[in-house]
Amino acid sequence: GINAEYGSTSAVSPMKAVRVHKFGPESVLQVEQIPIPVPKPDQVLVQIKAAGINPIDTYLRSGQYPILPALPFTPGRDGSGIVIEVGSEVKGIEKGSRVWLVGSETGTYAQFALCKPSQVHPLAENLTFEEGAGIGIPYCTAFRALIQRAAPSRPSDHPPTVLIHGASGSVGVAAIQVALAHSFKVIGTAGSQEGLDLIRSLGCSVVFNHHEPKHYEHVLFATNGKGVDIIVEMLANENLGEDLKILGPGGRVMVVGSRGDVTITPRFLMSFEADIRGVSLLKASEAEMKEACDYLTHFFDRPERRVVIAKRYGLNHVQEAHRDILSVSAKGRTVLLPFDD
């Protein structure tokens, strides 16, 4: 559960945490003083130096999600910080170590959080805590989409060409880096000049503005008319119909995000024996999550690989952060700093 029991010892010092007592708009996010949670023997207590803000946090807060946490709860699945206490049954995690989290038992929009050992991973020395908070859901989603879910139905002897549709957001940036690490050829789109500059600097060989109606034709031209092998799609309700027209034989669209319905022409799927595949981290098995997290822990050992941080907010600005993450054209990762106002 997202809302585990808080420790019942009376001598606990308080911490600041964001609490949601009823589902609704940003205004339901309230900063409160609550007791620092006490770890059970199989748990770890982490001092949260930075928490990652994801679109899913806003869906959970507003009650617009199939599986909702029990009220009241502290939002946040991603974060990073320092291990403060280690339960007596926990092996392999040292007190004082720098860690990144994907998932937490009590929520990461707080100064401290309880975690299961499987949610805690060593943070590369060259990454800051802000960057560590930016790994979690975006990088695990990118790895799941490109490596675990996008495997071709028939083997190919050339590295795939990938179109990352909406490459300047947090999942898009992660997808560029993961794709390049696997020697994929990467085409990226963004919606602003700043976004285009960012994805070019990350190594996209070709970039297009997705507000330009002809960008689909440009993508096809960039592949010499062959089409792309994989599309990582962040906004399927707007783009899926057109995506199908620029796939190569056996191509697949990985649907990472969608905010509504869409009309498609199935004939394009038939012509290219193409696939549309959904991607959801919530459907990853324990073994798949472990594979992703182990990969990402070592991924950042290369000092040139960094997490792009777009915006930082103190705890008291959490309502503004939730407003911005869905409205501002994304360029990297948004983080919350629990020890800053």
Protein backbone atom coordinates (compact mmCIF):
# COMPACT_ATOMS: atom_id res chain seq x y z
CA GLY A 1 0.00 0.00 0.00
CA ILE A 2 1.03 3.60 -0.52
CA ASN A 3 0.01 4.54 3.03
CA ALA A 4 1.80 2.25 5.47
CA GLU A 5 1.39 2.50 9.22
CA TYR A 6 3.31 5.31 10.84
CA GLY A 7 5.31 4.28 13.88
CA SER A 8 3.37 4.36 17.12
CA THR A 9 6.18 5.35 19.44
CA SER A 10 5.35 8.54 21.32
CA ALA A 11 8.87 9.95 21.45
CA VAL A 12 9.07 10.40 17.68
CA SER A 13 10.22 13.76 16.36
CA PRO A 14 8.00 15.33 13.69
CA MET A 15 8.77 15.80 10.02
CA LYS A 16 7.19 17.82 7.23
CA ALA A 17 5.17 15.87 4.69
CA VAL A 18 2.61 16.61 1.99
CA ARG A 19 -0.74 15.03 2.92
CA VAL A 20 -3.87 14.41 0.88
CA HIS A 21 -7.06 14.02 2.99
CA LYS A 22 -9.51 14.05 0.07
CA PHE A 23 -9.13 13.57 -3.68
CA GLY A 24 -9.35 16.75 -5.71
CA PRO A 25 -7.47 19.69 -7.31
CA GLU A 26 -3.97 20.88 -6.35
CA SER A 27 -5.38 22.65 -3.29
CA VAL A 28 -5.87 19.30 -1.50
CA LEU A 29 -2.06 19.01 -1.19
CA GLN A 30 -1.29 20.25 2.33
CA VAL A 31 2.07 20.43 4.10
CA GLU A 32 1.73 19.07 7.64
CA GLN A 33 3.89 17.99 10.56
CA ILE A 34 3.58 14.25 11.17
CA PRO A 35 5.72 11.75 13.10
CA ILE A 36 8.81 10.34 11.37
CA PRO A 37 7.82 6.75 10.49
CA VAL A 38 9.54 3.90 12.32
CA PRO A 39 10.90 1.03 10.17
CA LYS A 40 9.75 -2.52 10.77
CA PRO A 41 12.44 -5.26 10.71
CA ASP A 42 12.05 -5.66 6.93
CA GLN A 43 12.06 -1.93 6.08
CA VAL A 44 14.52 0.92 5.56
CA LEU A 45 14.09 4.56 6.63
CA VAL A 46 15.43 7.09 4.10
CA GLN A 47 15.93 10.81 4.64
CA ILE A 48 14.50 12.25 1.41
CA LYS A 49 16.80 14.87 -0.12
CA ALA A 50 14.71 15.18 -3.31
CA ALA A 51 11.47 13.64 -4.60
CA GLY A 52 10.56 13.16 -8.26
CA ILE A 53 7.18 14.49 -9.42
CA ASN A 54 5.38 12.37 -12.01
CA PRO A 55 2.11 12.90 -13.90
CA ILE A 56 0.73 9.77 -12.16
CA ASP A 57 1.02 11.65 -8.83
CA THR A 58 -1.52 14.18 -10.11
CA TYR A 59 -3.92 11.44 -11.26
CA LEU A 60 -3.77 9.75 -7.84
CA ARG A 61 -4.25 13.07 -6.04
CA SER A 62 -7.31 13.94 -8.14
CA GLY A 63 -8.84 10.45 -7.77
CA GLN A 64 -8.62 9.85 -11.55
CA TYR A 65 -6.91 6.47 -11.46
CA PRO A 66 -8.10 2.84 -11.43
CA ILE A 67 -6.27 1.96 -8.18
CA LEU A 68 -6.35 4.65 -5.50
CA PRO A 69 -4.51 4.84 -2.16
CA ALA A 70 -6.39 4.90 1.14
CA LEU A 71 -6.87 8.40 2.54
CA PRO A 72 -5.04 10.24 3.99
CA PHE A 73 -1.78 9.60 2.15
CA THR A 74 1.54 11.21 1.22
CA PRO A 75 2.11 11.24 -2.58
CA GLY A 76 5.33 10.38 -4.37
CA ARG A 77 6.96 7.20 -5.67
CA ASP A 78 10.37 8.52 -6.76
CA GLY A 79 13.05 10.03 -4.58
CA SER A 80 16.63 9.94 -3.38
CA GLY A 81 18.42 10.51 -0.11
CA ILE A 82 20.40 8.89 2.68
CA VAL A 83 19.62 5.65 4.50
CA ILE A 84 19.03 6.61 8.16
CA GLU A 85 17.86 3.30 9.65
CA VAL A 86 17.98 -0.30 8.44
CA GLY A 87 15.58 -2.94 9.80
CA SER A 88 17.16 -5.95 11.54
CA GLU A 89 16.12 -8.36 8.75
CA VAL A 90 17.44 -6.25 5.87
CA LYS A 91 20.64 -7.41 4.17
CA GLY A 92 22.91 -5.54 1.76
CA ILE A 93 21.83 -1.95 2.52
CA GLU A 94 24.17 0.14 4.67
CA LYS A 95 23.17 2.96 7.00
CA GLY A 96 24.50 6.27 5.62
CA SER A 97 24.50 5.16 1.96
CA ARG A 98 23.26 7.44 -0.83
CA VAL A 99 20.29 5.85 -2.62
CA TRP A 100 17.64 6.39 -5.28
CA LEU A 101 14.12 5.04 -4.85
CA VAL A 102 11.45 3.74 -7.13
CA GLY A 103 8.45 3.27 -4.89
CA SER A 104 8.08 3.84 -1.16
CA GLU A 105 5.73 2.54 1.52
CA THR A 106 4.85 5.96 2.94
CA GLY A 107 5.32 8.40 0.01
CA THR A 108 8.35 10.49 -0.98
CA TYR A 109 6.82 14.00 -0.73
CA ALA A 110 8.17 14.07 2.83
CA GLN A 111 11.40 14.58 4.74
CA PHE A 112 11.61 10.85 5.54
CA ALA A 113 10.09 7.75 3.92
CA LEU A 114 9.87 4.05 4.69
CA CYS A 115 10.89 1.68 1.89
CA LYS A 116 11.08 -2.01 1.17
CA PRO A 117 14.66 -3.11 0.35
CA SER A 118 13.58 -3.80 -3.27
CA GLN A 119 12.69 -0.09 -3.66
CA VAL A 120 16.16 1.16 -2.60
CA HIS A 121 19.12 1.30 -5.02
CA PRO A 122 22.68 2.68 -4.78
CA LEU A 123 23.07 6.18 -6.24
CA ALA A 124 26.06 6.64 -8.59
CA GLU A 125 28.73 8.89 -7.06
CA ASN A 126 28.60 11.36 -9.97
CA LEU A 127 24.84 12.00 -9.61
CA THR A 128 23.34 14.63 -7.31
CA PHE A 129 20.35 13.84 -5.09
CA GLU A 130 18.15 15.87 -7.47
CA GLU A 131 19.28 13.65 -10.34
CA GLY A 132 18.73 10.54 -8.22
CA ALA A 133 15.13 11.62 -7.63
CA GLY A 134 14.76 11.89 -11.40
CA ILE A 135 15.61 8.26 -12.22
CA GLY A 136 12.67 6.16 -10.93
CA ILE A 137 9.52 6.06 -13.02
CA PRO A 138 10.84 7.85 -16.18
CA TYR A 139 13.93 5.68 -16.63
CA CYS A 140 12.20 2.45 -15.63
CA THR A 141 9.40 3.29 -18.09
CA ALA A 142 11.91 4.01 -20.88
CA PHE A 143 13.73 0.73 -20.18
CA ARG A 144 10.44 -1.20 -20.07
CA ALA A 145 9.24 0.36 -23.33
CA LEU A 146 12.45 -0.03 -25.34
CA ILE A 147 14.07 -3.16 -23.92
CA GLN A 148 11.44 -5.28 -22.17
CA ARG A 149 8.40 -4.62 -24.40
CA ALA A 150 9.65 -3.51 -27.84
CA ALA A 151 11.48 -6.67 -28.90
CA PRO A 152 10.84 -7.39 -32.59
CA SER A 153 8.67 -10.35 -33.55
CA ARG A 154 11.33 -11.40 -36.06
CA PRO A 155 15.08 -10.92 -35.57
CA SER A 156 16.87 -8.13 -37.44
CA ASP A 157 20.54 -7.69 -38.24
CA HIS A 158 20.54 -3.87 -38.03
CA PRO A 159 20.00 -1.65 -34.95
CA PRO A 160 16.44 -0.30 -34.89
CA THR A 161 15.47 3.26 -35.74
CA VAL A 162 13.39 4.75 -32.93
CA LEU A 163 11.12 7.79 -33.02
CA ILE A 164 10.62 9.28 -29.56
CA HIS A 165 7.46 11.33 -29.88
CA GLY A 166 7.74 13.95 -27.15
CA ALA A 167 11.42 13.44 -26.40
CA SER A 168 12.06 16.47 -24.18
CA GLY A 169 9.93 15.34 -21.23
CA SER A 170 11.25 13.14 -18.44
CA VAL A 171 10.39 9.78 -20.07
CA GLY A 172 11.53 11.09 -23.47
CA VAL A 173 14.95 12.18 -22.19
CA ALA A 174 15.38 8.80 -20.48
CA ALA A 175 14.33 6.99 -23.67
CA ILE A 176 16.91 8.88 -25.76
CA GLN A 177 19.69 7.86 -23.36
CA VAL A 178 18.60 4.21 -23.05
CA ALA A 179 18.14 3.89 -26.85
CA LEU A 180 21.58 5.37 -27.58
CA ALA A 181 23.18 3.07 -24.97
CA HIS A 182 21.83 0.17 -27.07
CA SER A 183 23.15 1.74 -30.33
CA PHE A 184 19.65 2.49 -31.66
CA LYS A 185 19.32 5.30 -34.21
CA VAL A 186 17.21 7.97 -32.51
CA ILE A 187 14.84 10.52 -34.05
CA GLY A 188 13.23 12.86 -31.53
CA THR A 189 10.45 15.43 -31.48
CA ALA A 190 9.81 18.35 -29.13
CA GLY A 191 7.37 21.25 -29.04
CA SER A 192 9.72 24.20 -28.53
CA GLN A 193 13.12 25.44 -29.68
CA GLU A 194 14.48 24.90 -26.16
CA GLY A 195 13.21 21.31 -26.24
CA LEU A 196 14.70 20.70 -29.69
CA ASP A 197 18.08 22.06 -28.53
CA LEU A 198 17.96 19.77 -25.50
CA ILE A 199 17.21 16.56 -27.41
CA ARG A 200 19.83 17.38 -30.03
CA SER A 201 22.41 17.87 -27.27
CA LEU A 202 21.47 14.45 -25.85
CA GLY A 203 22.36 12.77 -29.14
CA CYS A 204 19.22 12.58 -31.31
CA SER A 205 20.52 12.28 -34.88
CA VAL A 206 17.43 14.00 -36.32
CA VAL A 207 14.96 16.31 -34.51
CA PHE A 208 11.56 17.74 -35.51
CA ASN A 209 8.98 20.03 -33.95
CA HIS A 210 5.81 17.97 -33.41
CA HIS A 211 3.59 21.06 -33.70
CA GLU A 212 4.64 21.17 -37.37
CA PRO A 213 1.93 19.17 -39.24
CA LYS A 214 4.41 17.88 -41.82
CA HIS A 215 6.75 16.36 -39.21
CA TYR A 216 5.45 12.85 -39.99
CA GLU A 217 6.53 13.26 -43.64
CA HIS A 218 9.91 14.56 -42.44
CA VAL A 219 10.38 11.46 -40.24
CA LEU A 220 9.60 9.19 -43.19
CA PHE A 221 12.04 11.16 -45.38
CA ALA A 222 14.75 10.84 -42.66
CA THR A 223 14.43 7.03 -42.88
CA ASN A 224 14.72 7.11 -46.71
CA GLY A 225 11.06 6.13 -46.87
CA LYS A 226 11.64 2.87 -44.97
CA GLY A 227 9.75 3.99 -41.85
CA VAL A 228 10.74 3.61 -38.21
CA ASP A 229 11.03 0.35 -36.28
CA ILE A 230 9.84 1.64 -32.91
CA ILE A 231 7.82 4.68 -31.85
CA VAL A 232 7.78 5.62 -28.16
CA GLU A 233 4.47 7.50 -27.95
CA MET A 234 3.74 9.90 -25.07
CA LEU A 235 0.39 11.24 -26.37
CA ALA A 236 -1.35 8.45 -28.23
CA ASN A 237 -4.76 10.15 -28.32
CA GLU A 238 -3.29 12.81 -30.63
CA ASN A 239 -0.66 10.90 -32.57
CA LEU A 240 -1.47 7.19 -32.88
CA GLY A 241 -3.41 7.44 -36.14
CA GLU A 242 -0.50 9.19 -37.88
CA ASP A 243 2.14 7.05 -36.16
CA LEU A 244 0.86 3.95 -37.95
CA LYS A 245 1.57 5.55 -41.35
CA ILE A 246 5.31 5.96 -40.68
CA LEU A 247 6.12 2.50 -39.31
CA GLY A 248 8.40 0.17 -41.22
CA PRO A 249 7.67 -3.56 -41.68
CA GLY A 250 7.12 -5.21 -38.30
CA GLY A 251 7.21 -1.78 -36.65
CA ARG A 252 5.71 -1.23 -33.22
CA VAL A 253 4.26 1.73 -31.36
CA MET A 254 4.93 1.66 -27.63
CA VAL A 255 2.10 3.60 -25.97
CA VAL A 256 3.52 5.23 -22.85
CA GLY A 257 0.91 7.99 -22.45
CA SER A 258 -2.57 8.90 -23.63
CA ARG A 259 -5.18 11.39 -22.47
CA GLY A 260 -8.25 10.40 -24.47
CA ASP A 261 -9.62 8.48 -27.44
CA VAL A 262 -8.22 8.26 -30.96
CA THR A 263 -9.27 7.01 -34.39
CA ILE A 264 -6.89 4.71 -36.26
CA THR A 265 -6.89 2.92 -39.62
CA PRO A 266 -6.19 -0.78 -38.90
CA ARG A 267 -5.19 -1.35 -42.55
CA PHE A 268 -1.80 0.24 -41.76
CA LEU A 269 -1.26 -2.41 -39.08
CA MET A 270 -2.10 -5.13 -41.61
CA SER A 271 0.08 -3.72 -44.39
CA PHE A 272 3.22 -3.62 -42.23
CA GLU A 273 2.33 -6.42 -39.80
CA ALA A 274 2.80 -3.71 -37.21
CA ASP A 275 1.98 -3.77 -33.49
CA ILE A 276 0.59 -1.35 -30.95
CA ARG A 277 1.83 -2.27 -27.48
CA GLY A 278 0.87 -0.71 -24.18
CA VAL A 279 3.52 0.06 -21.56
CA SER A 280 2.75 0.18 -17.84
CA LEU A 281 5.30 -0.08 -15.05
CA LEU A 282 2.51 -1.28 -12.77
CA LYS A 283 2.32 -4.44 -14.87
CA ALA A 284 6.06 -5.19 -14.56
CA SER A 285 6.81 -8.32 -12.55
CA GLU A 286 9.16 -8.20 -9.56
CA ALA A 287 11.88 -9.78 -11.72
CA GLU A 288 11.34 -7.21 -14.50
CA MET A 289 11.52 -4.30 -12.03
CA LYS A 290 14.72 -5.76 -10.59
CA GLU A 291 16.18 -6.09 -14.09
CA ALA A 292 15.33 -2.45 -14.87
CA CYS A 293 16.67 -1.09 -11.56
CA ASP A 294 19.88 -3.13 -11.71
CA TYR A 295 20.47 -1.89 -15.25
CA LEU A 296 19.84 1.75 -14.28
CA THR A 297 22.02 1.61 -11.16
CA HIS A 298 25.02 0.84 -13.40
CA PHE A 299 23.78 2.96 -16.32
CA PHE A 300 24.90 6.16 -14.54
CA ASP A 301 28.39 4.86 -13.78
CA ARG A 302 29.29 6.54 -17.08
CA PRO A 303 29.91 10.18 -16.03
CA GLU A 304 28.58 11.61 -19.33
CA ARG A 305 25.10 10.25 -18.51
CA ARG A 306 23.17 12.76 -16.45
CA VAL A 307 19.54 13.24 -15.46
CA VAL A 308 18.16 16.51 -16.87
CA ILE A 309 16.47 18.54 -14.13
CA ALA A 310 13.99 21.09 -15.47
CA LYS A 311 12.45 22.63 -12.36
CA ARG A 312 12.86 22.48 -8.58
CA TYR A 313 10.21 23.31 -5.98
CA GLY A 314 10.34 23.62 -2.20
CA LEU A 315 7.78 21.61 -0.22
CA ASN A 316 5.47 24.61 0.25
CA HIS A 317 5.25 25.04 -3.54
CA VAL A 318 3.94 21.53 -4.18
CA GLN A 319 0.55 22.80 -5.45
CA GLU A 320 2.30 24.92 -8.09
CA ALA A 321 4.52 21.94 -9.02
CA HIS A 322 1.43 19.77 -9.67
CA ARG A 323 -0.13 22.53 -11.78
CA ASP A 324 3.04 23.00 -13.81
CA ILE A 325 3.84 19.35 -14.53
CA LEU A 326 0.70 18.94 -16.65
CA SER A 327 0.66 22.39 -18.28
CA VAL A 328 4.24 23.49 -18.95
CA SER A 329 6.02 22.10 -22.00
CA ALA A 330 8.33 19.60 -20.34
CA LYS A 331 12.11 19.76 -20.63
CA GLY A 332 13.44 17.11 -18.30
CA ARG A 333 12.52 16.29 -14.74
CA THR A 334 10.60 18.15 -12.01
CA VAL A 335 11.75 17.60 -8.41
CA LEU A 336 10.47 18.53 -4.96
CA LEU A 337 12.97 19.42 -2.22
CA PRO A 338 11.48 18.44 1.17
CA PHE A 339 14.01 20.42 3.22
CA ASP A 340 13.46 23.65 1.24
CA ASP A 341 10.49 25.95 1.66
